[in-house]
C-alpha cells in the first residue's frame, strides 16, 4: 500500500510502498476514505512528541470501510466506520464507566502505532468505531475526528456551557472553529481570539459575536470590558503559555477554563495562579471524546442542527500533507485540510 512516512523531522514525508497492515485479533483493517491533517500531527512532525519517531506513519483523524475483520472484532467487512482518535481498551475502570478517552491502556493511531496517512490502517479495539451514515461525506467525517469531538466533549461534559453564556475561544484553528460552531448551536455568545486577521474574519462569518486580534489589544481586558465582567467559559485551543494565561485572566468570578491545546515540548508553562485563586476559577483539562457520544453528534449533523462543513476548506492528496504540516510553522489559512486521494 502507499503511505506517507516520516523519515526525518521537519522534512517532507516520504511517499512509499509499505506492507499492508496485519489485521488485529480484536479489530479490523480499514480502507481509508479520508484523513484530516491536524496540528497534533505537526507536533510529531517537528519532533516535539515522544511517541512520534522516524519511520512512523502519522494520521489520527480518519474514516474508512472494513476490508478485513479479526475473530474478536465487533464489526464486519463492508462496514463504513468513523473512529475516535483515542481507542479505549473497553475493560478498564475508565472504559467501564464511559470515560474511554481517559483509558490507561489507550492506543492512538499515529502516536505509537501506524496511523492513517496511508491507504489502509489496522484498528485494534474496534468496539470504539462507530457506523458512519451514508449521508455524511467522508471528508467531513475525517474533519470531525479530533477537533470536533474534542470541542464537543469540552463544551458539554467539561464546561457545561449554557444558553446565553459568554464563551471565549483562544485560537481559531480546527478545534477553535469547531468550538465556535458548537457553542453557537448551544446558544452561547462567542468571542474568538487570534493573531491572523483573515482567520478572525472567517470566524465572524461563521457566527462569532466578537473577535479580538491579540497583536492589537490586551485580550483579557478587551473580553472583560465586552462581557461586563468576563467570559463564563474560556477555551484554550493552542497549547501555549500566552493564550493559557489570557484564557484564565479573561474569565469572570467562578468562570471555567478548559484547556484543549496540546502543550508543546515538556508541557510545562508558567500560569497566573493568582487569577485562578482570586476569582475561584475551575481549570479543566480535556482530550478527545468517548466513542459512545458519537451517535448524538452525528445525529445533530444529519438533522441540520449544526453545519460543520465550513471546517473543511481543502481536500488534498497524500503528497500534499507535507505542505500542510510545513505551513503550520507560520500563519495558516482558515479551515482544515483533509486527505481524500491516497493513490499517488
C-alpha atoms as a PDB file:
ATOM      1  CA  UNK A   1       0.000   0.000   0.000  1.00  0.00           C
ATOM      2  CA  UNK A   2       1.016   3.663  -0.339  1.00  0.00           C
ATOM      3  CA  UNK A   3       1.783   5.633   2.811  1.00  0.00           C
ATOM      4  CA  UNK A   4       3.327   8.974   3.789  1.00  0.00           C
ATOM      5  CA  UNK A   5       6.205   8.058   6.111  1.00  0.00           C
ATOM      6  CA  UNK A   6       8.040  10.375   8.499  1.00  0.00           C
ATOM      7  CA  UNK A   7      11.721   9.731   7.769  1.00  0.00           C
ATOM      8  CA  UNK A   8      13.158  12.986   9.135  1.00  0.00           C
ATOM      9  CA  UNK A   9      11.698  15.658  11.403  1.00  0.00           C
ATOM     10  CA  UNK A  10      10.823  18.959   9.696  1.00  0.00           C
ATOM     11  CA  UNK A  11      11.160  17.378   6.260  1.00  0.00           C
ATOM     12  CA  UNK A  12       8.730  16.285   3.571  1.00  0.00           C
ATOM     13  CA  UNK A  13       7.032  12.990   4.317  1.00  0.00           C
ATOM     14  CA  UNK A  14       8.282  10.160   2.131  1.00  0.00           C
ATOM     15  CA  UNK A  15       5.644   8.594  -0.134  1.00  0.00           C
ATOM     16  CA  UNK A  16       6.479   4.896  -0.024  1.00  0.00           C
ATOM     17  CA  UNK A  17       5.071   1.482  -0.810  1.00  0.00           C
ATOM     18  CA  UNK A  18       4.892  -0.362   2.505  1.00  0.00           C
ATOM     19  CA  UNK A  19       3.441  -3.674   3.657  1.00  0.00           C
ATOM     20  CA  UNK A  20      -0.294  -3.882   4.186  1.00  0.00           C
ATOM     21  CA  UNK A  21      -1.229  -3.850   7.883  1.00  0.00           C
ATOM     22  CA  UNK A  22      -1.988  -7.124   9.637  1.00  0.00           C
ATOM     23  CA  UNK A  23      -5.495  -7.446  10.998  1.00  0.00           C
ATOM     24  CA  UNK A  24      -5.684  -7.360  14.816  1.00  0.00           C
ATOM     25  CA  UNK A  25      -7.457 -10.234  16.525  1.00  0.00           C
ATOM     26  CA  UNK A  26      -9.684  -7.716  18.320  1.00  0.00           C
ATOM     27  CA  UNK A  27     -10.028  -5.280  15.452  1.00  0.00           C
ATOM     28  CA  UNK A  28     -10.288  -4.522  11.762  1.00  0.00           C
ATOM     29  CA  UNK A  29      -8.404  -3.229   8.747  1.00  0.00           C
ATOM     30  CA  UNK A  30      -9.953  -0.203   7.047  1.00  0.00           C
ATOM     31  CA  UNK A  31      -9.549   1.120   3.539  1.00  0.00           C
ATOM     32  CA  UNK A  32      -9.057   4.792   4.461  1.00  0.00           C
ATOM     33  CA  UNK A  33     -11.600   7.073   2.814  1.00  0.00           C
ATOM     34  CA  UNK A  34     -10.282  10.328   4.297  1.00  0.00           C
ATOM     35  CA  UNK A  35      -7.820  11.553   6.927  1.00  0.00           C
ATOM     36  CA  UNK A  36      -7.510  15.003   8.424  1.00  0.00           C
ATOM     37  CA  UNK A  37      -4.219  16.870   8.827  1.00  0.00           C
ATOM     38  CA  UNK A  38      -4.148  18.061  12.436  1.00  0.00           C
ATOM     39  CA  UNK A  39      -1.893  20.379  14.429  1.00  0.00           C
ATOM     40  CA  UNK A  40      -1.262  17.441  16.765  1.00  0.00           C
ATOM     41  CA  UNK A  41       0.430  15.778  13.781  1.00  0.00           C
ATOM     42  CA  UNK A  42       2.553  18.891  13.433  1.00  0.00           C
ATOM     43  CA  UNK A  43       3.898  18.442  16.971  1.00  0.00           C
ATOM     44  CA  UNK A  44       5.029  14.957  15.984  1.00  0.00           C
ATOM     45  CA  UNK A  45       6.392  16.071  12.621  1.00  0.00           C
ATOM     46  CA  UNK A  46       8.715  18.634  14.247  1.00  0.00           C
ATOM     47  CA  UNK A  47       9.905  16.121  16.879  1.00  0.00           C
ATOM     48  CA  UNK A  48       8.034  17.514  19.889  1.00  0.00           C
ATOM     49  CA  UNK A  49       6.015  14.392  20.677  1.00  0.00           C
ATOM     50  CA  UNK A  50       7.778  11.472  22.382  1.00  0.00           C
ATOM     51  CA  UNK A  51       5.663   8.840  20.624  1.00  0.00           C
ATOM     52  CA  UNK A  52       6.425  10.020  17.074  1.00  0.00           C
ATOM     53  CA  UNK A  53       9.773   8.848  15.672  1.00  0.00           C
ATOM     54  CA  UNK A  54      11.340   8.495  12.214  1.00  0.00           C
ATOM     55  CA  UNK A  55       9.805   5.610  10.304  1.00  0.00           C
ATOM     56  CA  UNK A  56       6.305   6.279  11.632  1.00  0.00           C
ATOM     57  CA  UNK A  57       3.065   6.828   9.703  1.00  0.00           C
ATOM     58  CA  UNK A  58       1.053   9.656  11.234  1.00  0.00           C
ATOM     59  CA  UNK A  59      -2.654  10.443  10.964  1.00  0.00           C
ATOM     60  CA  UNK A  60      -5.349  10.047  13.625  1.00  0.00           C
ATOM     61  CA  UNK A  61      -8.472  11.671  12.099  1.00  0.00           C
ATOM     62  CA  UNK A  62      -9.881   9.043   9.769  1.00  0.00           C
ATOM     63  CA  UNK A  63     -12.829   7.097   8.483  1.00  0.00           C
ATOM     64  CA  UNK A  64     -12.962   4.075   6.232  1.00  0.00           C
ATOM     65  CA  UNK A  65     -14.507   0.814   5.095  1.00  0.00           C
ATOM     66  CA  UNK A  66     -13.729  -2.534   6.724  1.00  0.00           C
ATOM     67  CA  UNK A  67     -11.810  -4.850   4.391  1.00  0.00           C
ATOM     68  CA  UNK A  68     -10.807  -7.441   7.000  1.00  0.00           C
ATOM     69  CA  UNK A  69     -12.133  -8.269  10.472  1.00  0.00           C
ATOM     70  CA  UNK A  70     -10.443 -10.230  13.246  1.00  0.00           C
ATOM     71  CA  UNK A  71     -12.168 -13.113  15.055  1.00  0.00           C
ATOM     72  CA  UNK A  72     -12.931 -10.909  18.086  1.00  0.00           C
ATOM     73  CA  UNK A  73     -13.982  -7.847  16.086  1.00  0.00           C
ATOM     74  CA  UNK A  74     -17.388  -6.263  16.629  1.00  0.00           C
ATOM     75  CA  UNK A  75     -17.661  -5.049  13.003  1.00  0.00           C
ATOM     76  CA  UNK A  76     -17.735  -6.870   9.675  1.00  0.00           C
ATOM     77  CA  UNK A  77     -16.318  -6.481   6.177  1.00  0.00           C
ATOM     78  CA  UNK A  78     -18.077  -3.687   4.290  1.00  0.00           C
ATOM     79  CA  UNK A  79     -18.974  -1.589   7.347  1.00  0.00           C
ATOM     80  CA  UNK A  80     -18.391   2.141   6.888  1.00  0.00           C
ATOM     81  CA  UNK A  81     -16.943   3.467  10.125  1.00  0.00           C
ATOM     82  CA  UNK A  82     -15.592   6.549  11.862  1.00  0.00           C
ATOM     83  CA  UNK A  83     -13.092   6.347  14.706  1.00  0.00           C
ATOM     84  CA  UNK A  84     -12.319   8.466  17.748  1.00  0.00           C
ATOM     85  CA  UNK A  85      -8.599   9.114  17.874  1.00  0.00           C
ATOM     86  CA  UNK A  86      -8.381   7.574  21.368  1.00  0.00           C
ATOM     87  CA  UNK A  87      -9.009   3.822  21.262  1.00  0.00           C
ATOM     88  CA  UNK A  88     -10.017   2.654  24.741  1.00  0.00           C
ATOM     89  CA  UNK A  89      -9.406  -0.951  25.760  1.00  0.00           C
ATOM     90  CA  UNK A  90     -13.020  -1.489  26.812  1.00  0.00           C
ATOM     91  CA  UNK A  91     -12.264  -3.402  30.012  1.00  0.00           C
ATOM     92  CA  UNK A  92     -10.536  -0.999  32.430  1.00  0.00           C
ATOM     93  CA  UNK A  93     -12.374   1.048  35.062  1.00  0.00           C
ATOM     94  CA  UNK A  94     -12.360   4.185  32.889  1.00  0.00           C
ATOM     95  CA  UNK A  95     -13.845   2.398  29.902  1.00  0.00           C
ATOM     96  CA  UNK A  96     -16.416   0.586  32.008  1.00  0.00           C
ATOM     97  CA  UNK A  97     -17.647   3.899  33.419  1.00  0.00           C
ATOM     98  CA  UNK A  98     -17.975   5.532  29.998  1.00  0.00           C
ATOM     99  CA  UNK A  99     -14.749   7.574  30.075  1.00  0.00           C
ATOM    100  CA  UNK A 100     -12.836   5.679  27.390  1.00  0.00           C
ATOM    101  CA  UNK A 101     -10.956   8.854  26.444  1.00  0.00           C
ATOM    102  CA  UNK A 102      -9.096   8.525  29.779  1.00  0.00           C
ATOM    103  CA  UNK A 103      -8.305   4.800  29.361  1.00  0.00           C
ATOM    104  CA  UNK A 104      -4.938   3.856  30.837  1.00  0.00           C
ATOM    105  CA  UNK A 105      -4.422   1.245  28.100  1.00  0.00           C
ATOM    106  CA  UNK A 106      -5.465   3.519  25.251  1.00  0.00           C
ATOM    107  CA  UNK A 107      -3.947   3.436  21.785  1.00  0.00           C
ATOM    108  CA  UNK A 108      -3.771   6.369  19.370  1.00  0.00           C
ATOM    109  CA  UNK A 109      -3.047   5.849  15.663  1.00  0.00           C
ATOM    110  CA  UNK A 110      -0.143   7.991  14.527  1.00  0.00           C
ATOM    111  CA  UNK A 111       1.240   8.208  18.059  1.00  0.00           C
ATOM    112  CA  UNK A 112       2.976   4.941  18.887  1.00  0.00           C
ATOM    113  CA  UNK A 113       1.203   2.875  16.223  1.00  0.00           C
ATOM    114  CA  UNK A 114       0.760   3.272  12.440  1.00  0.00           C
ATOM    115  CA  UNK A 115      -1.694   5.989  11.507  1.00  0.00           C
ATOM    116  CA  UNK A 116      -3.951   6.844   8.578  1.00  0.00           C
ATOM    117  CA  UNK A 117      -1.689   8.794   6.239  1.00  0.00           C
ATOM    118  CA  UNK A 118      -1.969   5.599   4.233  1.00  0.00           C
ATOM    119  CA  UNK A 119      -4.324   3.629   2.019  1.00  0.00           C
ATOM    120  CA  UNK A 120      -5.134   1.224   4.848  1.00  0.00           C
ATOM    121  CA  UNK A 121      -4.981   1.197   8.623  1.00  0.00           C
ATOM    122  CA  UNK A 122      -5.244  -1.558  11.229  1.00  0.00           C
ATOM    123  CA  UNK A 123      -7.523  -0.600  14.129  1.00  0.00           C
ATOM    124  CA  UNK A 124      -7.485  -2.673  17.338  1.00  0.00           C
ATOM    125  CA  UNK A 125     -10.194  -2.297  19.995  1.00  0.00           C
ATOM    126  CA  UNK A 126     -12.703  -1.836  17.179  1.00  0.00           C
ATOM    127  CA  UNK A 127     -15.592  -1.516  19.640  1.00  0.00           C
ATOM    128  CA  UNK A 128     -14.600   2.169  19.614  1.00  0.00           C
ATOM    129  CA  UNK A 129     -15.528   2.533  15.935  1.00  0.00           C
ATOM    130  CA  UNK A 130     -18.966   3.890  15.077  1.00  0.00           C
ATOM    131  CA  UNK A 131     -21.106   3.432  11.942  1.00  0.00           C
ATOM    132  CA  UNK A 132     -20.805   6.400   9.590  1.00  0.00           C
ATOM    133  CA  UNK A 133     -24.139   7.367   7.990  1.00  0.00           C
ATOM    134  CA  UNK A 134     -24.189   7.356   4.190  1.00  0.00           C
ATOM    135  CA  UNK A 135     -25.424  10.957   4.242  1.00  0.00           C
ATOM    136  CA  UNK A 136     -22.179  12.232   5.801  1.00  0.00           C
ATOM    137  CA  UNK A 137     -19.315  12.840   3.379  1.00  0.00           C
ATOM    138  CA  UNK A 138     -16.058  11.080   4.342  1.00  0.00           C
ATOM    139  CA  UNK A 139     -14.102  14.330   4.150  1.00  0.00           C
ATOM    140  CA  UNK A 140     -16.409  15.912   6.716  1.00  0.00           C
ATOM    141  CA  UNK A 141     -16.270  12.767   8.856  1.00  0.00           C
ATOM    142  CA  UNK A 142     -12.471  12.902   8.915  1.00  0.00           C
ATOM    143  CA  UNK A 143     -12.700  16.566   9.852  1.00  0.00           C
ATOM    144  CA  UNK A 144     -14.683  15.552  12.948  1.00  0.00           C
ATOM    145  CA  UNK A 145     -12.073  13.097  14.156  1.00  0.00           C
ATOM    146  CA  UNK A 146     -10.090  15.143  16.639  1.00  0.00           C
ATOM    147  CA  UNK A 147     -11.132  18.781  16.536  1.00  0.00           C
ATOM    148  CA  UNK A 148     -14.937  18.456  16.676  1.00  0.00           C
ATOM    149  CA  UNK A 149     -15.069  15.575  19.139  1.00  0.00           C
ATOM    150  CA  UNK A 150     -12.596  17.288  21.448  1.00  0.00           C
ATOM    151  CA  UNK A 151     -14.543  20.557  21.286  1.00  0.00           C
ATOM    152  CA  UNK A 152     -17.919  18.870  21.833  1.00  0.00           C
ATOM    153  CA  UNK A 153     -16.731  16.969  24.898  1.00  0.00           C
ATOM    154  CA  UNK A 154     -15.129  20.130  26.292  1.00  0.00           C
ATOM    155  CA  UNK A 155     -18.212  22.300  25.873  1.00  0.00           C
ATOM    156  CA  UNK A 156     -20.698  19.759  27.196  1.00  0.00           C
ATOM    157  CA  UNK A 157     -19.121  17.332  29.664  1.00  0.00           C
ATOM    158  CA  UNK A 158     -16.372  19.609  30.969  1.00  0.00           C
ATOM    159  CA  UNK A 159     -17.632  23.213  30.805  1.00  0.00           C
ATOM    160  CA  UNK A 160     -21.379  22.525  30.729  1.00  0.00           C
ATOM    161  CA  UNK A 161     -21.998  25.569  28.538  1.00  0.00           C
ATOM    162  CA  UNK A 162     -25.473  27.058  28.940  1.00  0.00           C
ATOM    163  CA  UNK A 163     -27.675  29.294  26.807  1.00  0.00           C
ATOM    164  CA  UNK A 164     -26.661  32.947  26.919  1.00  0.00           C
ATOM    165  CA  UNK A 165     -23.223  32.417  28.439  1.00  0.00           C
ATOM    166  CA  UNK A 166     -20.155  34.130  27.039  1.00  0.00           C
ATOM    167  CA  UNK A 167     -17.580  31.693  25.636  1.00  0.00           C
ATOM    168  CA  UNK A 168     -14.103  32.990  24.746  1.00  0.00           C
ATOM    169  CA  UNK A 169     -12.079  30.875  22.298  1.00  0.00           C
ATOM    170  CA  UNK A 170      -8.329  31.420  22.074  1.00  0.00           C
ATOM    171  CA  UNK A 171      -7.132  30.201  18.675  1.00  0.00           C
ATOM    172  CA  UNK A 172      -9.186  29.745  15.505  1.00  0.00           C
ATOM    173  CA  UNK A 173      -7.644  26.577  14.136  1.00  0.00           C
ATOM    174  CA  UNK A 174      -9.615  23.368  13.780  1.00  0.00           C
ATOM    175  CA  UNK A 175     -10.526  22.994  17.446  1.00  0.00           C
ATOM    176  CA  UNK A 176     -11.256  26.701  17.855  1.00  0.00           C
ATOM    177  CA  UNK A 177     -13.621  26.851  14.871  1.00  0.00           C
ATOM    178  CA  UNK A 178     -15.296  23.625  15.993  1.00  0.00           C
ATOM    179  CA  UNK A 179     -15.838  25.102  19.439  1.00  0.00           C
ATOM    180  CA  UNK A 180     -17.278  28.260  17.843  1.00  0.00           C
ATOM    181  CA  UNK A 181     -19.833  26.390  15.719  1.00  0.00           C
ATOM    182  CA  UNK A 182     -20.864  24.061  18.538  1.00  0.00           C
ATOM    183  CA  UNK A 183     -21.038  26.798  21.186  1.00  0.00           C
ATOM    184  CA  UNK A 184     -23.336  28.841  18.932  1.00  0.00           C
ATOM    185  CA  UNK A 185     -25.513  25.770  18.451  1.00  0.00           C
ATOM    186  CA  UNK A 186     -25.729  25.501  22.246  1.00  0.00           C
ATOM    187  CA  UNK A 187     -26.971  29.097  22.433  1.00  0.00           C
ATOM    188  CA  UNK A 188     -23.802  30.751  23.733  1.00  0.00           C
ATOM    189  CA  UNK A 189     -22.343  34.119  22.772  1.00  0.00           C
ATOM    190  CA  UNK A 190     -18.837  33.663  21.397  1.00  0.00           C
ATOM    191  CA  UNK A 191     -15.673  35.776  21.311  1.00  0.00           C
ATOM    192  CA  UNK A 192     -12.764  34.498  19.195  1.00  0.00           C
ATOM    193  CA  UNK A 193      -9.123  35.465  19.636  1.00  0.00           C
ATOM    194  CA  UNK A 194      -6.285  35.060  17.130  1.00  0.00           C
ATOM    195  CA  UNK A 195      -3.398  36.981  15.591  1.00  0.00           C
ATOM    196  CA  UNK A 196      -4.350  36.448  11.929  1.00  0.00           C
ATOM    197  CA  UNK A 197      -6.961  38.879  10.629  1.00  0.00           C
ATOM    198  CA  UNK A 198      -8.154  36.563   7.843  1.00  0.00           C
ATOM    199  CA  UNK A 199      -8.888  33.844  10.390  1.00  0.00           C
ATOM    200  CA  UNK A 200     -10.775  36.300  12.590  1.00  0.00           C
ATOM    201  CA  UNK A 201     -12.820  37.439   9.594  1.00  0.00           C
ATOM    202  CA  UNK A 202     -13.554  33.793   8.776  1.00  0.00           C
ATOM    203  CA  UNK A 203     -14.681  33.151  12.352  1.00  0.00           C
ATOM    204  CA  UNK A 204     -17.016  36.165  12.271  1.00  0.00           C
ATOM    205  CA  UNK A 205     -18.517  34.861   9.014  1.00  0.00           C
ATOM    206  CA  UNK A 206     -19.311  31.628  10.880  1.00  0.00           C
ATOM    207  CA  UNK A 207     -21.206  33.434  13.625  1.00  0.00           C
ATOM    208  CA  UNK A 208     -18.691  34.748  16.162  1.00  0.00           C
ATOM    209  CA  UNK A 209     -20.242  37.653  18.065  1.00  0.00           C
ATOM    210  CA  UNK A 210     -16.911  39.410  18.543  1.00  0.00           C
ATOM    211  CA  UNK A 211     -13.275  38.971  17.520  1.00  0.00           C
ATOM    212  CA  UNK A 212     -10.036  40.171  19.084  1.00  0.00           C
ATOM    213  CA  UNK A 213      -6.639  40.440  17.419  1.00  0.00           C
ATOM    214  CA  UNK A 214      -4.152  39.634  20.182  1.00  0.00           C
ATOM    215  CA  UNK A 215      -1.440  41.695  18.475  1.00  0.00           C
ATOM    216  CA  UNK A 216      -3.548  44.838  18.749  1.00  0.00           C
ATOM    217  CA  UNK A 217      -5.400  44.567  22.068  1.00  0.00           C
ATOM    218  CA  UNK A 218      -4.943  43.302  25.582  1.00  0.00           C
ATOM    219  CA  UNK A 219      -7.051  40.161  25.258  1.00  0.00           C
ATOM    220  CA  UNK A 220      -8.137  39.778  28.879  1.00  0.00           C
ATOM    221  CA  UNK A 221      -9.049  43.444  29.278  1.00  0.00           C
ATOM    222  CA  UNK A 222     -10.988  43.543  26.000  1.00  0.00           C
ATOM    223  CA  UNK A 223     -13.019  40.469  26.947  1.00  0.00           C
ATOM    224  CA  UNK A 224     -13.677  41.721  30.473  1.00  0.00           C
ATOM    225  CA  UNK A 225     -14.962  45.018  29.049  1.00  0.00           C
ATOM    226  CA  UNK A 226     -17.090  43.446  26.297  1.00  0.00           C
ATOM    227  CA  UNK A 227     -18.782  40.969  28.638  1.00  0.00           C
ATOM    228  CA  UNK A 228     -19.221  43.271  31.628  1.00  0.00           C
ATOM    229  CA  UNK A 229     -17.006  41.253  33.927  1.00  0.00           C
ATOM    230  CA  UNK A 230     -15.502  38.396  31.953  1.00  0.00           C
ATOM    231  CA  UNK A 231     -16.355  35.282  29.991  1.00  0.00           C
ATOM    232  CA  UNK A 232     -18.228  32.451  31.694  1.00  0.00           C
ATOM    233  CA  UNK A 233     -16.195  29.827  29.820  1.00  0.00           C
ATOM    234  CA  UNK A 234     -12.837  30.147  28.109  1.00  0.00           C
ATOM    235  CA  UNK A 235     -11.422  27.594  25.677  1.00  0.00           C
ATOM    236  CA  UNK A 236      -7.648  27.429  25.142  1.00  0.00           C
ATOM    237  CA  UNK A 237      -7.035  25.856  21.731  1.00  0.00           C
ATOM    238  CA  UNK A 238      -3.324  26.408  21.063  1.00  0.00           C
ATOM    239  CA  UNK A 239      -1.400  24.938  23.991  1.00  0.00           C
ATOM    240  CA  UNK A 240       0.970  27.837  24.650  1.00  0.00           C
ATOM    241  CA  UNK A 241       1.652  29.916  27.760  1.00  0.00           C
ATOM    242  CA  UNK A 242       0.442  33.247  26.375  1.00  0.00           C
ATOM    243  CA  UNK A 243      -3.006  32.025  25.364  1.00  0.00           C
ATOM    244  CA  UNK A 244      -3.389  29.918  28.504  1.00  0.00           C
ATOM    245  CA  UNK A 245      -2.880  32.963  30.701  1.00  0.00           C
ATOM    246  CA  UNK A 246      -5.141  35.105  28.531  1.00  0.00           C
ATOM    247  CA  UNK A 247      -7.799  32.404  28.859  1.00  0.00           C
ATOM    248  CA  UNK A 248      -7.531  32.336  32.654  1.00  0.00           C
ATOM    249  CA  UNK A 249      -7.355  36.106  33.043  1.00  0.00           C
ATOM    250  CA  UNK A 250     -10.366  36.875  30.832  1.00  0.00           C
ATOM    251  CA  UNK A 251     -12.785  34.866  32.984  1.00  0.00           C
ATOM    252  CA  UNK A 252     -15.330  36.300  35.390  1.00  0.00           C
ATOM    253  CA  UNK A 253     -15.531  35.142  39.005  1.00  0.00           C
ATOM    254  CA  UNK A 254     -16.270  31.381  39.163  1.00  0.00           C
ATOM    255  CA  UNK A 255     -15.565  31.037  35.451  1.00  0.00           C
ATOM    256  CA  UNK A 256     -14.458  27.798  33.747  1.00  0.00           C
ATOM    257  CA  UNK A 257     -11.222  27.408  31.778  1.00  0.00           C
ATOM    258  CA  UNK A 258     -10.939  24.346  29.504  1.00  0.00           C
ATOM    259  CA  UNK A 259      -7.507  23.502  28.155  1.00  0.00           C
ATOM    260  CA  UNK A 260      -7.633  21.806  24.750  1.00  0.00           C
ATOM    261  CA  UNK A 261      -4.392  22.805  23.013  1.00  0.00           C
ATOM    262  CA  UNK A 262      -1.698  20.117  23.095  1.00  0.00           C
ATOM    263  CA  UNK A 263       1.181  21.668  25.103  1.00  0.00           C
ATOM    264  CA  UNK A 264       4.457  21.727  23.201  1.00  0.00           C
ATOM    265  CA  UNK A 265       7.739  20.332  24.496  1.00  0.00           C
ATOM    266  CA  UNK A 266       7.704  19.047  28.066  1.00  0.00           C
ATOM    267  CA  UNK A 267       4.340  20.707  28.683  1.00  0.00           C
ATOM    268  CA  UNK A 268       5.500  22.997  31.476  1.00  0.00           C
ATOM    269  CA  UNK A 269       4.441  26.639  31.484  1.00  0.00           C
ATOM    270  CA  UNK A 270       4.060  29.498  33.956  1.00  0.00           C
ATOM    271  CA  UNK A 271       0.393  30.103  34.827  1.00  0.00           C
ATOM    272  CA  UNK A 272      -1.219  33.040  36.632  1.00  0.00           C
ATOM    273  CA  UNK A 273      -2.329  31.099  39.687  1.00  0.00           C
ATOM    274  CA  UNK A 274      -3.370  34.302  41.474  1.00  0.00           C
ATOM    275  CA  UNK A 275      -6.123  34.752  38.872  1.00  0.00           C
ATOM    276  CA  UNK A 276      -7.287  31.165  39.404  1.00  0.00           C
ATOM    277  CA  UNK A 277      -7.164  31.571  43.186  1.00  0.00           C
ATOM    278  CA  UNK A 278      -8.647  35.057  43.496  1.00  0.00           C
ATOM    279  CA  UNK A 279     -11.510  34.505  41.053  1.00  0.00           C
ATOM    280  CA  UNK A 280     -12.105  30.944  42.286  1.00  0.00           C
ATOM    281  CA  UNK A 281     -11.915  29.566  38.761  1.00  0.00           C
ATOM    282  CA  UNK A 282     -12.388  25.998  37.591  1.00  0.00           C
ATOM    283  CA  UNK A 283      -9.493  24.745  35.450  1.00  0.00           C
ATOM    284  CA  UNK A 284     -10.264  21.707  33.281  1.00  0.00           C
ATOM    285  CA  UNK A 285      -8.105  19.613  31.027  1.00  0.00           C
ATOM    286  CA  UNK A 286      -9.891  17.806  28.205  1.00  0.00           C
ATOM    287  CA  UNK A 287      -8.742  15.463  25.440  1.00  0.00           C
ATOM    288  CA  UNK A 288     -10.857  13.568  22.968  1.00  0.00           C
ATOM    289  CA  UNK A 289     -14.336  12.171  23.487  1.00  0.00           C
ATOM    290  CA  UNK A 290     -15.745   8.778  24.473  1.00  0.00           C
ATOM    291  CA  UNK A 291     -16.958   6.876  21.426  1.00  0.00           C
ATOM    292  CA  UNK A 292     -20.485   6.455  22.841  1.00  0.00           C
ATOM    293  CA  UNK A 293     -21.081  10.185  22.283  1.00  0.00           C
ATOM    294  CA  UNK A 294     -20.576   9.893  18.513  1.00  0.00           C
ATOM    295  CA  UNK A 295     -24.190   8.956  17.610  1.00  0.00           C
ATOM    296  CA  UNK A 296     -25.566  12.143  19.206  1.00  0.00           C
ATOM    297  CA  UNK A 297     -23.016  14.256  17.336  1.00  0.00           C
ATOM    298  CA  UNK A 298     -23.727  12.502  14.034  1.00  0.00           C
ATOM    299  CA  UNK A 299     -27.485  12.884  14.575  1.00  0.00           C
ATOM    300  CA  UNK A 300     -27.067  16.637  15.075  1.00  0.00           C
ATOM    301  CA  UNK A 301     -25.216  16.862  11.766  1.00  0.00           C
ATOM    302  CA  UNK A 302     -27.736  14.710   9.891  1.00  0.00           C
ATOM    303  CA  UNK A 303     -30.691  16.665  11.279  1.00  0.00           C
ATOM    304  CA  UNK A 304     -29.151  20.004  10.326  1.00  0.00           C
ATOM    305  CA  UNK A 305     -28.920  21.301  13.890  1.00  0.00           C
ATOM    306  CA  UNK A 306     -25.294  22.205  13.235  1.00  0.00           C
ATOM    307  CA  UNK A 307     -23.425  22.711   9.949  1.00  0.00           C
ATOM    308  CA  UNK A 308     -19.798  21.695  10.334  1.00  0.00           C
ATOM    309  CA  UNK A 309     -18.977  21.703   6.622  1.00  0.00           C
ATOM    310  CA  UNK A 310     -17.181  25.096   6.833  1.00  0.00           C
ATOM    311  CA  UNK A 311     -14.430  23.387   8.845  1.00  0.00           C
ATOM    312  CA  UNK A 312     -13.086  21.535   5.798  1.00  0.00           C
ATOM    313  CA  UNK A 313     -11.753  24.084   3.334  1.00  0.00           C
ATOM    314  CA  UNK A 314      -9.229  21.977   1.407  1.00  0.00           C
ATOM    315  CA  UNK A 315      -9.102  18.416   0.100  1.00  0.00           C
ATOM    316  CA  UNK A 316      -5.627  17.198  -0.805  1.00  0.00           C
ATOM    317  CA  UNK A 317      -3.747  14.112  -1.932  1.00  0.00           C
ATOM    318  CA  UNK A 318      -1.278  12.185   0.202  1.00  0.00           C
ATOM    319  CA  UNK A 319       1.741  14.043  -1.189  1.00  0.00           C
ATOM    320  CA  UNK A 320       0.341  17.405  -0.096  1.00  0.00           C
ATOM    321  CA  UNK A 321       0.212  16.521   3.602  1.00  0.00           C
ATOM    322  CA  UNK A 322       3.813  17.726   3.886  1.00  0.00           C
ATOM    323  CA  UNK A 323       2.837  21.172   2.604  1.00  0.00           C
ATOM    324  CA  UNK A 324       0.061  21.443   5.196  1.00  0.00           C
ATOM    325  CA  UNK A 325       2.389  20.457   8.037  1.00  0.00           C
ATOM    326  CA  UNK A 326       5.078  22.889   6.897  1.00  0.00           C
ATOM    327  CA  UNK A 327       2.513  25.704   6.688  1.00  0.00           C
ATOM    328  CA  UNK A 328       1.760  25.270  10.391  1.00  0.00           C
ATOM    329  CA  UNK A 329       5.125  26.855  11.171  1.00  0.00           C
ATOM    330  CA  UNK A 330       3.561  30.211  10.328  1.00  0.00           C
ATOM    331  CA  UNK A 331       0.187  31.822   9.746  1.00  0.00           C
ATOM    332  CA  UNK A 332      -2.119  29.136   8.378  1.00  0.00           C
ATOM    333  CA  UNK A 333      -5.131  29.606   6.145  1.00  0.00           C
ATOM    334  CA  UNK A 334      -8.595  29.298   7.718  1.00  0.00           C
ATOM    335  CA  UNK A 335     -10.101  25.842   7.886  1.00  0.00           C
ATOM    336  CA  UNK A 336      -8.825  22.282   7.760  1.00  0.00           C
ATOM    337  CA  UNK A 337      -7.187  20.151   5.081  1.00  0.00           C
ATOM    338  CA  UNK A 338      -8.337  16.562   4.585  1.00  0.00           C
ATOM    339  CA  UNK A 339      -6.558  13.880   2.578  1.00  0.00           C
ATOM    340  CA  UNK A 340      -9.020  12.211   0.215  1.00  0.00           C
ATOM    341  CA  UNK A 341      -6.689  10.875  -2.518  1.00  0.00           C
ATOM    342  CA  UNK A 342      -4.288   8.132  -1.443  1.00  0.00           C
ATOM    343  CA  UNK A 343      -3.492   6.744  -4.920  1.00  0.00           C
ATOM    344  CA  UNK A 344      -0.344   8.744  -5.618  1.00  0.00           C
END
